[in-house]
Amino acid sequence: MTTSPRLNPGAAALACALTLLAAPLTASAQYTLLTAKLNGDDQWKIYLTTQVTTDGYQYASGWGWPITYTATLWLPPTSAGTHFKDYWLNIWVQDVGGGGPDLLGEFKLTGQKGCKFDNGTTSLLTQAAKYWHVSAAQPISVGGSPVANFPTPFTTYLPPYVQPMLTPLSLGLNGVPPWGPMPGINAAAEWITDPANTWNMEAWFQAHIRCK
């Protein structure tokens, strides 16, 4: 288990703005956006990293599986204004109250060409395929201080990172019970979970982006 220096959600927007200002804003810089549309059962946090063994920069979080969230982040460039060769999308999902740590989503790369997911395209759906990895189910994290007027499990803590190494299990296509259809997500996307389909746990999911 390896962790990296991470920002709490309250500082995320400011840090992102500072990163954009500090980056090489030149005509030759390569600007690529990663847009995530996802449902997580129940609580989730999404990260982007250039190092496979770290969770990376947390840029969005959410709560409640009936809600489809959308989050967009600029792939950070090198000091020369080019893409790094590799980026990893890490998503932490925690079950609360029953069921497994389950994920449904679609992800797209737009802007400067040259970056693709491991399926060879600029679009990726959650599927039980080699393009996704998941960690074994982990015990519920200790958590942090409660947030006023939110459910007790909803805190701003940063969960310990466990590198995903396993192929996820598919629970069925978008629309399968008990969730029903999520109209904001492609119908071909699958609800995925840890391979043991463990309840009352949490897990990390990972997808890889390669750039020229």
C-alpha atoms as a PDB file:
ATOM      1  CA  MET A   1       0.000   0.000   0.000  1.00  0.00           C
ATOM      2  CA  THR A   2       1.437   3.355  -1.086  1.00  0.00           C
ATOM      3  CA  THR A   3      -0.010   6.795  -0.606  1.00  0.00           C
ATOM      4  CA  SER A   4       0.921  10.125  -2.096  1.00  0.00           C
ATOM      5  CA  PRO A   5       0.603  13.676  -0.768  1.00  0.00           C
ATOM      6  CA  ARG A   6      -3.017  14.575  -1.313  1.00  0.00           C
ATOM      7  CA  LEU A   7      -5.167  17.673  -0.997  1.00  0.00           C
ATOM      8  CA  ASN A   8      -8.338  17.815   1.008  1.00  0.00           C
ATOM      9  CA  PRO A   9     -11.490  18.592  -1.013  1.00  0.00           C
ATOM     10  CA  GLY A  10     -11.686  22.115   0.361  1.00  0.00           C
ATOM     11  CA  ALA A  11      -8.381  23.014  -1.300  1.00  0.00           C
ATOM     12  CA  ALA A  12      -9.019  21.169  -4.551  1.00  0.00           C
ATOM     13  CA  ALA A  13     -10.456  24.015  -6.612  1.00  0.00           C
ATOM     14  CA  LEU A  14      -7.724  26.452  -5.581  1.00  0.00           C
ATOM     15  CA  ALA A  15      -4.985  23.909  -6.208  1.00  0.00           C
ATOM     16  CA  CYS A  16      -6.371  23.104  -9.649  1.00  0.00           C
ATOM     17  CA  ALA A  17      -6.401  26.804 -10.537  1.00  0.00           C
ATOM     18  CA  LEU A  18      -2.839  27.251  -9.304  1.00  0.00           C
ATOM     19  CA  THR A  19      -1.751  24.210 -11.300  1.00  0.00           C
ATOM     20  CA  LEU A  20      -3.242  25.657 -14.464  1.00  0.00           C
ATOM     21  CA  LEU A  21      -1.500  28.983 -13.877  1.00  0.00           C
ATOM     22  CA  ALA A  22       1.842  27.332 -13.192  1.00  0.00           C
ATOM     23  CA  ALA A  23       1.677  25.021 -16.208  1.00  0.00           C
ATOM     24  CA  PRO A  24       3.363  26.033 -19.485  1.00  0.00           C
ATOM     25  CA  LEU A  25       0.603  27.960 -21.276  1.00  0.00           C
ATOM     26  CA  THR A  26       2.210  28.004 -24.689  1.00  0.00           C
ATOM     27  CA  ALA A  27       0.902  27.472 -28.182  1.00  0.00           C
ATOM     28  CA  SER A  28       2.649  24.103 -28.279  1.00  0.00           C
ATOM     29  CA  ALA A  29       1.159  22.823 -24.999  1.00  0.00           C
ATOM     30  CA  GLN A  30      -1.132  19.833 -25.377  1.00  0.00           C
ATOM     31  CA  TYR A  31      -4.511  20.259 -23.704  1.00  0.00           C
ATOM     32  CA  THR A  32      -6.590  17.139 -23.152  1.00  0.00           C
ATOM     33  CA  LEU A  33      -9.648  16.891 -20.916  1.00  0.00           C
ATOM     34  CA  LEU A  34     -10.843  13.770 -19.122  1.00  0.00           C
ATOM     35  CA  THR A  35     -14.596  13.786 -18.471  1.00  0.00           C
ATOM     36  CA  ALA A  36     -16.106  11.209 -16.141  1.00  0.00           C
ATOM     37  CA  LYS A  37     -19.821  10.443 -15.851  1.00  0.00           C
ATOM     38  CA  LEU A  38     -20.463   7.954 -13.080  1.00  0.00           C
ATOM     39  CA  ASN A  39     -22.711   6.432 -10.460  1.00  0.00           C
ATOM     40  CA  GLY A  40     -21.103   4.946  -7.365  1.00  0.00           C
ATOM     41  CA  ASP A  41     -22.751   2.725  -4.767  1.00  0.00           C
ATOM     42  CA  ASP A  42     -22.576   4.441  -2.351  1.00  0.00           C
ATOM     43  CA  GLN A  43     -19.741   6.925  -1.769  1.00  0.00           C
ATOM     44  CA  TRP A  44     -16.895   7.567  -4.220  1.00  0.00           C
ATOM     45  CA  LYS A  45     -13.812   9.687  -4.837  1.00  0.00           C
ATOM     46  CA  ILE A  46     -11.991  10.051  -8.173  1.00  0.00           C
ATOM     47  CA  TYR A  47      -8.269  10.666  -8.696  1.00  0.00           C
ATOM     48  CA  LEU A  48      -5.803  11.131 -11.556  1.00  0.00           C
ATOM     49  CA  THR A  49      -2.125  10.198 -11.350  1.00  0.00           C
ATOM     50  CA  THR A  50       0.970   9.768 -13.544  1.00  0.00           C
ATOM     51  CA  GLN A  51       2.370   7.059 -11.230  1.00  0.00           C
ATOM     52  CA  VAL A  52       0.623   3.700 -11.111  1.00  0.00           C
ATOM     53  CA  THR A  53       1.492   3.047  -7.452  1.00  0.00           C
ATOM     54  CA  THR A  54      -0.126   6.220  -6.084  1.00  0.00           C
ATOM     55  CA  ASP A  55      -3.717   7.399  -5.897  1.00  0.00           C
ATOM     56  CA  GLY A  56      -2.903  10.849  -7.303  1.00  0.00           C
ATOM     57  CA  TYR A  57      -4.872  14.106  -7.249  1.00  0.00           C
ATOM     58  CA  GLN A  58      -8.439  13.886  -6.007  1.00  0.00           C
ATOM     59  CA  TYR A  59     -10.620  16.056  -8.221  1.00  0.00           C
ATOM     60  CA  ALA A  60     -14.167  14.948  -7.491  1.00  0.00           C
ATOM     61  CA  SER A  61     -16.266  13.016  -5.011  1.00  0.00           C
ATOM     62  CA  GLY A  62     -19.897  12.069  -4.627  1.00  0.00           C
ATOM     63  CA  TRP A  63     -22.524  10.281  -2.601  1.00  0.00           C
ATOM     64  CA  GLY A  64     -25.648   8.308  -3.486  1.00  0.00           C
ATOM     65  CA  TRP A  65     -25.972   5.761  -6.291  1.00  0.00           C
ATOM     66  CA  PRO A  66     -29.152   7.214  -7.905  1.00  0.00           C
ATOM     67  CA  ILE A  67     -27.262  10.363  -8.910  1.00  0.00           C
ATOM     68  CA  THR A  68     -25.121  10.499 -12.067  1.00  0.00           C
ATOM     69  CA  TYR A  69     -22.230  12.894 -11.516  1.00  0.00           C
ATOM     70  CA  THR A  70     -20.049  14.567 -14.142  1.00  0.00           C
ATOM     71  CA  ALA A  71     -16.474  15.664 -13.424  1.00  0.00           C
ATOM     72  CA  THR A  72     -13.831  17.025 -15.818  1.00  0.00           C
ATOM     73  CA  LEU A  73     -10.093  17.481 -15.319  1.00  0.00           C
ATOM     74  CA  TRP A  74      -7.257  18.648 -17.573  1.00  0.00           C
ATOM     75  CA  LEU A  75      -4.540  16.019 -18.005  1.00  0.00           C
ATOM     76  CA  PRO A  76      -1.531  17.821 -16.498  1.00  0.00           C
ATOM     77  CA  PRO A  77       1.284  18.362 -19.045  1.00  0.00           C
ATOM     78  CA  THR A  78       5.007  17.998 -18.570  1.00  0.00           C
ATOM     79  CA  SER A  79       7.201  21.070 -18.051  1.00  0.00           C
ATOM     80  CA  ALA A  80       7.759  21.011 -21.826  1.00  0.00           C
ATOM     81  CA  GLY A  81       4.011  21.308 -22.457  1.00  0.00           C
ATOM     82  CA  THR A  82       3.623  17.751 -23.761  1.00  0.00           C
ATOM     83  CA  HIS A  83       1.634  14.848 -22.390  1.00  0.00           C
ATOM     84  CA  PHE A  84       3.109  12.389 -19.960  1.00  0.00           C
ATOM     85  CA  LYS A  85       3.170   8.958 -21.589  1.00  0.00           C
ATOM     86  CA  ASP A  86       0.909   7.422 -18.956  1.00  0.00           C
ATOM     87  CA  TYR A  87      -1.957   8.535 -16.747  1.00  0.00           C
ATOM     88  CA  TRP A  88      -4.092   6.403 -14.447  1.00  0.00           C
ATOM     89  CA  LEU A  89      -7.667   7.090 -13.423  1.00  0.00           C
ATOM     90  CA  ASN A  90      -8.310   5.821  -9.870  1.00  0.00           C
ATOM     91  CA  ILE A  91     -11.781   5.620  -8.355  1.00  0.00           C
ATOM     92  CA  TRP A  92     -12.449   4.679  -4.737  1.00  0.00           C
ATOM     93  CA  VAL A  93     -15.941   3.356  -3.939  1.00  0.00           C
ATOM     94  CA  GLN A  94     -17.308   2.549  -0.496  1.00  0.00           C
ATOM     95  CA  ASP A  95     -20.523   0.687   0.238  1.00  0.00           C
ATOM     96  CA  VAL A  96     -22.715   2.027   3.013  1.00  0.00           C
ATOM     97  CA  GLY A  97     -25.460  -0.085   4.530  1.00  0.00           C
ATOM     98  CA  GLY A  98     -25.543  -3.115   2.235  1.00  0.00           C
ATOM     99  CA  GLY A  99     -24.349  -4.282  -1.161  1.00  0.00           C
ATOM    100  CA  GLY A 100     -20.867  -4.086  -2.600  1.00  0.00           C
ATOM    101  CA  PRO A 101     -18.594  -1.252  -3.681  1.00  0.00           C
ATOM    102  CA  ASP A 102     -20.138  -0.926  -7.149  1.00  0.00           C
ATOM    103  CA  LEU A 103     -19.320   1.422 -10.053  1.00  0.00           C
ATOM    104  CA  LEU A 104     -21.074   2.422 -13.295  1.00  0.00           C
ATOM    105  CA  GLY A 105     -19.662   4.984 -15.684  1.00  0.00           C
ATOM    106  CA  GLU A 106     -18.438   6.293 -19.000  1.00  0.00           C
ATOM    107  CA  PHE A 107     -15.276   8.295 -19.582  1.00  0.00           C
ATOM    108  CA  LYS A 108     -14.120  10.433 -22.514  1.00  0.00           C
ATOM    109  CA  LEU A 109     -10.955  12.197 -23.647  1.00  0.00           C
ATOM    110  CA  THR A 110     -11.377  15.392 -25.673  1.00  0.00           C
ATOM    111  CA  GLY A 111      -9.166  18.198 -26.951  1.00  0.00           C
ATOM    112  CA  GLN A 112      -5.631  17.594 -28.194  1.00  0.00           C
ATOM    113  CA  LYS A 113      -5.327  14.210 -29.912  1.00  0.00           C
ATOM    114  CA  GLY A 114      -2.758  11.620 -28.922  1.00  0.00           C
ATOM    115  CA  CYS A 115      -4.203  10.082 -25.741  1.00  0.00           C
ATOM    116  CA  LYS A 116      -6.286   6.916 -25.644  1.00  0.00           C
ATOM    117  CA  PHE A 117      -7.579   4.417 -23.128  1.00  0.00           C
ATOM    118  CA  ASP A 118      -6.274   0.853 -23.289  1.00  0.00           C
ATOM    119  CA  ASN A 119      -9.184  -0.113 -25.547  1.00  0.00           C
ATOM    120  CA  GLY A 120      -7.548   2.010 -28.257  1.00  0.00           C
ATOM    121  CA  THR A 121     -10.216   4.738 -28.287  1.00  0.00           C
ATOM    122  CA  THR A 122     -10.987   8.006 -26.525  1.00  0.00           C
ATOM    123  CA  SER A 123     -14.087   6.560 -24.820  1.00  0.00           C
ATOM    124  CA  LEU A 124     -14.294   3.934 -22.093  1.00  0.00           C
ATOM    125  CA  LEU A 125     -17.236   2.289 -20.343  1.00  0.00           C
ATOM    126  CA  THR A 126     -17.150   0.353 -17.090  1.00  0.00           C
ATOM    127  CA  GLN A 127     -16.964  -3.321 -18.066  1.00  0.00           C
ATOM    128  CA  ALA A 128     -15.537  -6.550 -16.701  1.00  0.00           C
ATOM    129  CA  ALA A 129     -12.700  -6.392 -19.226  1.00  0.00           C
ATOM    130  CA  LYS A 130      -8.929  -6.100 -19.283  1.00  0.00           C
ATOM    131  CA  TYR A 131      -9.247  -2.320 -19.577  1.00  0.00           C
ATOM    132  CA  TRP A 132     -10.279  -2.121 -15.922  1.00  0.00           C
ATOM    133  CA  HIS A 133      -8.659  -3.311 -12.715  1.00  0.00           C
ATOM    134  CA  VAL A 134     -10.016  -3.429  -9.184  1.00  0.00           C
ATOM    135  CA  SER A 135      -8.496  -4.092  -5.783  1.00  0.00           C
ATOM    136  CA  ALA A 136      -9.661  -6.860  -3.511  1.00  0.00           C
ATOM    137  CA  ALA A 137     -12.416  -5.611  -1.215  1.00  0.00           C
ATOM    138  CA  GLN A 138     -11.017  -3.687   1.746  1.00  0.00           C
ATOM    139  CA  PRO A 139     -12.433  -3.144   5.244  1.00  0.00           C
ATOM    140  CA  ILE A 140     -14.351   0.093   5.685  1.00  0.00           C
ATOM    141  CA  SER A 141     -11.850   2.903   6.324  1.00  0.00           C
ATOM    142  CA  VAL A 142     -11.748   4.519   9.736  1.00  0.00           C
ATOM    143  CA  GLY A 143     -13.071   7.743   8.284  1.00  0.00           C
ATOM    144  CA  GLY A 144     -12.831  11.326   9.420  1.00  0.00           C
ATOM    145  CA  SER A 145     -14.845  13.956  11.222  1.00  0.00           C
ATOM    146  CA  PRO A 146     -18.559  14.046  10.352  1.00  0.00           C
ATOM    147  CA  VAL A 147     -19.805  16.814   8.090  1.00  0.00           C
ATOM    148  CA  ALA A 148     -22.704  18.798   9.527  1.00  0.00           C
ATOM    149  CA  ASN A 149     -26.127  17.813   8.136  1.00  0.00           C
ATOM    150  CA  PHE A 150     -24.740  14.959   6.016  1.00  0.00           C
ATOM    151  CA  PRO A 151     -25.125  11.202   6.644  1.00  0.00           C
ATOM    152  CA  THR A 152     -22.672   9.918   9.266  1.00  0.00           C
ATOM    153  CA  PRO A 153     -20.395   8.031   6.792  1.00  0.00           C
ATOM    154  CA  PHE A 154     -20.035  11.158   4.629  1.00  0.00           C
ATOM    155  CA  THR A 155     -16.687  12.676   5.647  1.00  0.00           C
ATOM    156  CA  THR A 156     -13.812  14.484   3.951  1.00  0.00           C
ATOM    157  CA  TYR A 157     -11.178  11.911   4.851  1.00  0.00           C
ATOM    158  CA  LEU A 158      -8.722  10.486   2.328  1.00  0.00           C
ATOM    159  CA  PRO A 159      -8.909   6.681   2.175  1.00  0.00           C
ATOM    160  CA  PRO A 160      -5.746   4.535   2.090  1.00  0.00           C
ATOM    161  CA  TYR A 161      -4.755   3.607  -1.464  1.00  0.00           C
ATOM    162  CA  VAL A 162      -4.576  -0.041  -2.547  1.00  0.00           C
ATOM    163  CA  GLN A 163      -3.366  -0.586  -6.111  1.00  0.00           C
ATOM    164  CA  PRO A 164      -5.981  -2.355  -8.261  1.00  0.00           C
ATOM    165  CA  MET A 165      -4.606  -5.586  -9.739  1.00  0.00           C
ATOM    166  CA  LEU A 166      -7.681  -7.773 -10.340  1.00  0.00           C
ATOM    167  CA  THR A 167     -10.289  -8.036 -13.107  1.00  0.00           C
ATOM    168  CA  PRO A 168     -13.643  -6.695 -11.893  1.00  0.00           C
ATOM    169  CA  LEU A 169     -16.856  -8.698 -11.764  1.00  0.00           C
ATOM    170  CA  SER A 170     -19.804  -7.545 -13.878  1.00  0.00           C
ATOM    171  CA  LEU A 171     -23.174  -7.252 -12.152  1.00  0.00           C
ATOM    172  CA  GLY A 172     -24.981  -6.542 -15.418  1.00  0.00           C
ATOM    173  CA  LEU A 173     -25.656  -3.773 -17.902  1.00  0.00           C
ATOM    174  CA  ASN A 174     -26.949  -0.329 -17.039  1.00  0.00           C
ATOM    175  CA  GLY A 175     -30.581  -0.918 -16.110  1.00  0.00           C
ATOM    176  CA  VAL A 176     -30.104  -4.120 -14.142  1.00  0.00           C
ATOM    177  CA  PRO A 177     -31.856  -4.370 -10.735  1.00  0.00           C
ATOM    178  CA  PRO A 178     -31.662  -3.128  -8.058  1.00  0.00           C
ATOM    179  CA  TRP A 179     -30.518   0.159  -9.616  1.00  0.00           C
ATOM    180  CA  GLY A 180     -32.599   0.365 -12.766  1.00  0.00           C
ATOM    181  CA  PRO A 181     -31.601   2.514 -15.769  1.00  0.00           C
ATOM    182  CA  MET A 182     -29.290   5.482 -15.316  1.00  0.00           C
ATOM    183  CA  PRO A 183     -30.222   7.683 -18.310  1.00  0.00           C
ATOM    184  CA  GLY A 184     -27.034   9.754 -18.091  1.00  0.00           C
ATOM    185  CA  ILE A 185     -24.826   6.697 -18.711  1.00  0.00           C
ATOM    186  CA  ASN A 186     -24.381   4.682 -21.919  1.00  0.00           C
ATOM    187  CA  ALA A 187     -26.664   1.622 -21.924  1.00  0.00           C
ATOM    188  CA  ALA A 188     -23.694  -0.628 -22.751  1.00  0.00           C
ATOM    189  CA  ALA A 189     -21.876   0.279 -19.527  1.00  0.00           C
ATOM    190  CA  GLU A 190     -21.814  -2.380 -16.815  1.00  0.00           C
ATOM    191  CA  TRP A 191     -22.045  -2.157 -13.064  1.00  0.00           C
ATOM    192  CA  ILE A 192     -18.707  -3.577 -11.864  1.00  0.00           C
ATOM    193  CA  THR A 193     -17.480  -4.611  -8.435  1.00  0.00           C
ATOM    194  CA  ASP A 194     -14.671  -6.554  -6.768  1.00  0.00           C
ATOM    195  CA  PRO A 195     -14.362 -10.150  -8.036  1.00  0.00           C
ATOM    196  CA  ALA A 196     -15.699 -11.637  -4.785  1.00  0.00           C
ATOM    197  CA  ASN A 197     -18.778  -9.370  -4.864  1.00  0.00           C
ATOM    198  CA  THR A 198     -18.191  -8.500  -1.228  1.00  0.00           C
ATOM    199  CA  TRP A 199     -20.749  -6.554   0.786  1.00  0.00           C
ATOM    200  CA  ASN A 200     -20.187  -3.699   3.239  1.00  0.00           C
ATOM    201  CA  MET A 201     -16.647  -3.037   2.010  1.00  0.00           C
ATOM    202  CA  GLU A 202     -14.723  -0.605  -0.209  1.00  0.00           C
ATOM    203  CA  ALA A 203     -12.486  -1.000  -3.260  1.00  0.00           C
ATOM    204  CA  TRP A 204     -10.328   0.908  -5.762  1.00  0.00           C
ATOM    205  CA  PHE A 205     -10.961   0.790  -9.523  1.00  0.00           C
ATOM    206  CA  GLN A 206      -8.382   1.801 -12.141  1.00  0.00           C
ATOM    207  CA  ALA A 207      -8.193   2.541 -15.875  1.00  0.00           C
ATOM    208  CA  HIS A 208      -5.082   3.467 -17.879  1.00  0.00           C
ATOM    209  CA  ILE A 209      -4.565   6.288 -20.407  1.00  0.00           C
ATOM    210  CA  ARG A 210      -1.618   6.195 -22.797  1.00  0.00           C
ATOM    211  CA  CYS A 211      -0.415   9.247 -24.719  1.00  0.00           C
ATOM    212  CA  LYS A 212       1.959   9.643 -27.651  1.00  0.00           C
END
